[in-house]
Protein backbone atom coordinates (compact mmCIF):
# COMPACT_ATOMS: atom_id res chain seq x y z
CA MET A 1 25.98 96.40 223.90
CA THR A 2 23.80 98.94 225.60
CA ARG A 3 25.99 100.92 228.29
CA LEU A 4 25.38 100.62 231.74
CA GLU A 5 24.96 103.68 233.91
CA ASN A 6 24.50 104.78 237.26
CA TYR A 7 21.50 106.88 237.14
CA ILE A 8 21.15 109.85 239.51
CA CYS A 9 17.69 110.98 240.33
CA GLU A 10 17.55 115.10 239.85
CA THR A 11 14.94 115.58 242.49
CA CYS A 12 17.08 113.97 245.31
CA GLY A 13 20.56 113.43 243.74
CA THR A 14 21.24 109.89 244.73
CA GLN A 15 22.76 108.09 242.19
CA HIS A 16 21.62 104.48 241.80
CA ALA A 17 23.32 100.71 240.79
CA ALA A 18 24.30 100.62 237.50
CA ARG A 19 21.78 99.42 234.77
CA GLU A 20 20.75 99.56 230.69
CA THR A 21 17.52 101.70 231.30
CA ALA A 22 16.69 104.60 233.90
CA PRO A 23 14.74 102.69 237.33
CA THR A 24 10.99 103.69 237.06
CA THR A 25 11.24 104.81 240.36
CA CYS A 26 13.65 106.20 243.07
CA ARG A 27 12.43 104.82 246.14
CA VAL A 28 14.21 107.64 248.28
CA CYS A 29 11.72 110.34 246.65
CA ALA A 30 8.32 108.15 246.84
CA ASP A 31 9.04 108.02 250.35
CA GLU A 32 6.58 110.34 252.37
CA ARG A 33 9.91 112.10 253.82
CA GLN A 34 10.66 113.52 250.14
CA TYR A 35 8.45 113.86 246.87
CA VAL A 36 8.92 113.00 243.36
CA GLY A 37 9.75 116.57 241.32
CA TRP A 38 6.35 117.81 239.78
CA ARG A 39 7.73 117.13 236.48
CA GLY A 40 7.86 113.35 237.19
CA GLN A 41 10.35 110.98 237.70
CA ARG A 42 13.53 112.16 235.80
CA TRP A 43 16.60 110.97 235.87
CA THR A 44 20.45 112.23 234.80
CA THR A 45 24.32 110.88 234.69
CA HIS A 46 26.91 111.74 236.12
CA ASP A 47 28.68 112.74 232.78
CA ALA A 48 25.63 114.50 231.98
CA LEU A 49 25.52 116.38 235.03
CA GLY A 50 29.00 117.17 234.78
CA ARG A 51 28.09 119.37 231.43
CA ASP A 52 25.82 121.58 232.70
CA HIS A 53 27.20 122.01 236.51
CA ALA A 54 30.37 122.68 238.25
CA ILE A 55 31.52 122.01 241.99
CA ARG A 56 31.68 125.19 243.99
CA ILE A 57 34.94 125.18 246.15
CA GLU A 58 34.81 127.65 248.89
CA GLU A 59 35.87 128.37 252.38
CA GLU A 60 33.02 128.44 254.96
CA HIS A 61 34.69 129.55 258.31
CA GLY A 62 37.80 128.01 258.11
CA LEU A 63 36.73 124.76 256.08
CA LEU A 64 36.48 123.70 252.57
CA GLY A 65 33.16 123.34 251.24
CA LEU A 66 32.07 121.54 248.38
CA GLY A 67 28.42 121.89 246.36
CA LEU A 68 27.15 122.30 243.03
CA THR A 69 26.38 125.30 241.02
CA PRO A 70 24.01 126.16 240.11
CA ALA A 71 22.14 124.35 242.93
CA PHE A 72 20.94 120.68 242.27
CA ALA A 73 18.58 118.19 243.95
CA ILE A 74 18.39 119.47 247.82
CA ASP A 75 21.60 121.62 247.42
CA GLN A 76 23.54 119.92 250.41
CA ARG A 77 27.32 120.76 250.80
CA ALA A 78 30.35 118.65 252.21
CA PHE A 79 32.98 119.53 254.31
CA LEU A 80 36.87 118.51 254.49
CA LEU A 81 37.40 118.24 258.08
CA PRO A 82 40.79 117.90 259.19
CA THR A 83 40.55 116.33 262.53
CA ASP A 84 42.38 113.78 264.83
CA ALA A 85 40.75 110.93 263.19
CA GLY A 86 41.93 111.63 260.03
CA ASN A 87 40.82 113.79 256.94
CA ILE A 88 36.78 113.27 257.24
CA LEU A 89 34.86 114.16 253.99
CA TRP A 90 31.36 115.29 255.96
CA GLU A 91 28.34 114.44 253.51
CA SER A 92 28.18 113.86 249.71
CA ILE A 93 27.64 115.39 246.71
CA PRO A 94 26.27 114.29 243.40
CA LEU A 95 29.27 115.31 240.95
CA VAL A 96 33.25 114.69 241.28
CA THR A 97 35.59 115.98 239.42
CA PRO A 98 39.53 116.43 239.07
CA GLU A 99 39.38 119.55 239.89
CA ALA A 100 37.54 118.69 242.99
CA VAL A 101 39.33 115.58 244.03
CA GLN A 102 43.08 118.17 243.47
CA ARG A 103 42.14 120.74 245.85
CA LEU A 104 41.10 117.68 248.66
CA GLU A 105 44.06 115.97 248.14
CA ALA A 106 46.12 119.39 248.06
CA ARG A 107 44.72 119.49 251.65
CA GLY A 108 45.97 116.17 252.84
CA GLY A 109 43.46 113.89 251.00
CA VAL A 110 40.61 112.23 252.78
CA ASP A 111 40.87 109.26 254.91
CA ARG A 112 37.14 108.65 255.33
CA ILE A 113 33.73 109.69 253.73
CA ILE A 114 30.74 109.91 256.50
CA ILE A 115 26.92 110.71 255.55
CA SER A 116 24.66 111.71 258.08
CA HIS A 117 21.50 110.70 256.50
CA PRO A 118 19.84 108.99 253.11
CA HIS A 119 19.25 112.08 251.65
CA PHE A 120 22.38 112.99 251.33
CA TYR A 121 23.80 109.40 250.05
CA ALA A 122 24.50 111.21 246.44
CA SER A 123 27.22 109.80 244.37
CA MET A 124 29.22 108.37 247.46
CA ALA A 125 30.79 105.63 245.72
CA GLU A 126 31.82 107.95 242.51
CA TRP A 127 33.33 109.93 245.40
CA SER A 128 34.70 106.97 247.12
CA ASP A 129 36.29 105.42 243.77
CA ALA A 130 37.96 108.91 242.93
CA LEU A 131 39.65 109.22 246.11
CA GLY A 132 41.38 106.08 246.18
CA GLY A 133 38.75 103.66 247.58
CA VAL A 134 38.06 105.29 250.83
CA PRO A 135 35.81 103.79 253.24
CA ILE A 136 32.13 105.36 253.58
CA LEU A 137 30.93 105.00 256.63
CA LEU A 138 27.32 104.87 257.33
CA HIS A 139 24.81 103.64 260.16
CA GLU A 140 23.40 100.21 260.24
CA ALA A 141 19.94 101.55 260.40
CA ASP A 142 19.78 103.34 257.29
CA ARG A 143 21.52 100.39 254.88
CA LYS A 144 18.05 99.88 252.93
CA TRP A 145 18.27 103.20 251.47
CA VAL A 146 21.86 102.30 249.76
CA ALA A 147 20.59 103.06 246.22
CA ARG A 148 24.48 102.17 244.87
CA PRO A 149 25.62 99.39 246.95
CA HIS A 150 29.38 99.67 247.04
CA PRO A 151 32.49 97.35 248.77
CA SER A 152 34.09 100.81 250.85
CA ILE A 153 30.58 100.71 252.21
CA GLU A 154 30.95 100.13 256.45
CA LEU A 155 27.93 100.32 258.59
CA TRP A 156 28.28 101.30 261.93
CA SER A 157 25.80 100.51 264.47
CA GLY A 158 24.80 102.37 268.45
CA ASP A 159 24.22 105.47 269.87
CA GLU A 160 27.57 106.54 269.82
CA LEU A 161 31.00 105.88 268.01
CA PRO A 162 34.17 107.85 268.99
CA LEU A 163 36.72 107.97 266.49
CA SER A 164 39.17 109.63 268.00
CA ASP A 165 39.77 111.75 271.44
CA SER A 166 37.84 114.90 269.67
CA VAL A 167 35.46 112.94 266.97
CA THR A 168 31.72 111.19 267.98
CA LEU A 169 29.52 110.08 265.43
CA ILE A 170 26.05 110.62 267.33
CA ARG A 171 23.25 108.72 266.12
CA MET A 172 20.38 111.17 266.23
CA GLY A 173 17.48 109.17 265.16
CA GLY A 174 13.92 111.20 264.12
CA HIS A 175 14.57 112.28 260.68
CA PHE A 176 15.76 108.82 259.91
CA PRO A 177 16.42 105.49 262.04
CA GLY A 178 19.88 106.16 261.47
CA SER A 179 20.16 109.85 261.48
CA THR A 180 23.98 111.07 262.07
CA ALA A 181 25.66 114.12 263.51
CA LEU A 182 29.29 114.69 263.91
CA HIS A 183 30.44 116.57 267.50
CA TRP A 184 34.26 117.53 266.61
CA ALA A 185 34.77 118.86 270.17
CA ALA A 186 38.45 120.24 269.30
CA GLY A 187 37.38 122.16 266.18
CA PRO A 188 36.84 124.01 263.87
CA ARG A 189 37.97 126.82 266.49
CA PRO A 190 37.88 127.14 270.05
CA GLY A 191 34.58 125.15 271.99
CA GLY A 192 33.94 122.39 268.91
CA ALA A 193 31.20 122.17 266.42
CA LEU A 194 28.18 120.11 265.76
CA PHE A 195 28.00 118.99 262.34
CA SER A 196 24.12 117.72 261.75
CA GLY A 197 23.57 117.55 258.48
CA ASP A 198 18.88 117.69 259.09
CA MET A 199 18.95 116.44 262.29
CA PRO A 200 18.71 118.65 263.79
CA GLN A 201 18.69 121.61 260.92
CA VAL A 202 19.64 125.36 260.95
CA VAL A 203 16.79 127.01 259.77
CA MET A 204 17.14 130.37 258.21
CA ASP A 205 17.19 132.71 261.15
CA ARG A 206 20.55 131.37 261.86
CA ARG A 207 19.68 131.38 265.65
CA HIS A 208 17.98 127.98 265.99
CA VAL A 209 17.33 124.82 265.12
CA SER A 210 13.98 122.46 263.97
CA PHE A 211 13.07 118.73 264.44
CA MET A 212 11.18 117.88 261.63
CA TYR A 213 10.34 114.00 260.02
CA SER A 214 10.08 115.34 256.54
CA TYR A 215 11.37 118.76 255.76
CA PRO A 216 9.99 119.51 252.23
CA ASN A 217 6.15 117.76 253.09
CA LEU A 218 6.27 119.82 256.55
CA ILE A 219 6.04 116.57 259.14
CA PRO A 220 6.84 117.22 262.64
CA LEU A 221 9.41 115.07 264.45
CA ARG A 222 7.15 113.35 267.61
CA THR A 223 7.54 114.56 270.77
CA ARG A 224 8.85 111.12 272.12
CA ASP A 225 11.67 111.46 269.39
CA VAL A 226 12.56 115.14 270.30
CA LEU A 227 12.80 114.53 273.85
CA GLU A 228 15.41 111.45 272.64
CA LEU A 229 16.95 113.58 270.93
CA ARG A 230 17.53 116.57 273.80
CA GLU A 231 19.02 113.27 276.01
CA ARG A 232 21.50 112.36 273.47
CA LEU A 233 22.66 115.40 272.93
CA SER A 234 23.42 116.58 276.29
CA ASN A 235 26.62 115.99 277.39
CA TYR A 236 28.15 117.72 274.53
CA SER A 237 29.16 121.08 274.70
CA PHE A 238 29.90 122.89 271.08
CA GLU A 239 30.29 126.71 270.13
CA ASP A 240 29.05 126.00 266.48
CA VAL A 241 26.33 124.68 264.47
CA PHE A 242 27.32 123.63 260.91
CA GLY A 243 23.61 122.97 258.92
CA TYR A 244 23.31 121.07 255.77
CA THR A 245 23.68 123.46 253.39
CA TRP A 246 25.71 126.88 252.52
CA GLY A 247 25.27 129.46 255.13
CA ARG A 248 23.17 127.41 257.34
CA VAL A 249 25.91 127.94 260.38
CA ILE A 250 25.25 128.61 264.03
CA ARG A 251 28.07 130.67 264.44
CA GLY A 252 28.93 131.05 268.44
CA GLY A 253 26.56 130.18 271.14
CA GLY A 254 25.48 126.99 269.43
CA ARG A 255 24.64 125.18 272.65
CA ALA A 256 22.61 127.15 273.87
CA ALA A 257 20.77 128.05 270.70
CA VAL A 258 19.99 124.06 270.50
CA ASP A 259 18.97 123.97 273.99
CA SER A 260 16.48 126.92 272.84
CA SER A 261 15.26 125.45 270.35
CA PHE A 262 14.33 122.31 272.33
CA ALA A 263 12.44 124.15 274.42
CA ARG A 264 10.66 126.25 271.80
CA PHE A 265 9.66 122.72 269.32
CA LEU A 266 8.33 121.14 272.56
CA SER A 267 6.17 124.11 273.94
CA ALA A 268 4.98 124.48 270.04
CA MET A 269 3.95 120.69 270.59
CA GLY A 270 2.05 121.44 273.84
CA TYR A 271 4.97 119.47 275.65
CA ASP A 272 6.14 121.24 278.92
CA ASP A 273 8.73 119.47 281.30
CA GLY A 274 9.30 123.00 283.00
CA ALA A 275 12.97 122.44 280.77
CA ALA A 276 11.84 126.08 279.37
């Protein structure tokens, strides 16, 4: 009997529904926001990935972070956020290990998984199962990108979803229709933080963010989408901005950095409404 496998795309790290043979194409990578690897479409499995990769578990600015070592696919890292809305695993990574699960459980476990956008869905179902079937919260606008359906997936809609007095999910749009950021007003330190995923993305100088429809293919976001995003974020204050991977953090002055980045980007796109 042929064994069913949940194949993982080597370029984006998305785990797919179980099947006998690897898919011909990863839809996530075939989309213009991503790309098919230069060696062509290649696949691995969870077991195979675990043989040559491990989970990097480190504290980053007071939060427990998890990523892969050596780097794999998009190389995002996840965070455990101990909030008044429960313990949130923000983002997902392609590999699950018993050690990582034990480290999370030692911090009180995980109450729900929340993911910013489809490029980081990764092995979200594998993580939910390993953590006891915890719910996975995704924006309904991106439902078509779920490559491995799972009963723990819960969809939310609208532009905002308050989870507690201090935690709110914000639909950013732009990069994907359901691109989501998490605003944590009470933490992880005074002044609060924005966990932005890819929208906006913390850039290499760690003093600005940028707004792209495709990051690897360098397609900028439309001006109208940036203006809508600026309006959506206008009522939120935060000191820090946590980007998608290790080190991509604006530490202090986050609100001002995002505001100046809006002005810089809009000016570069030839738009001036007097806000700069």
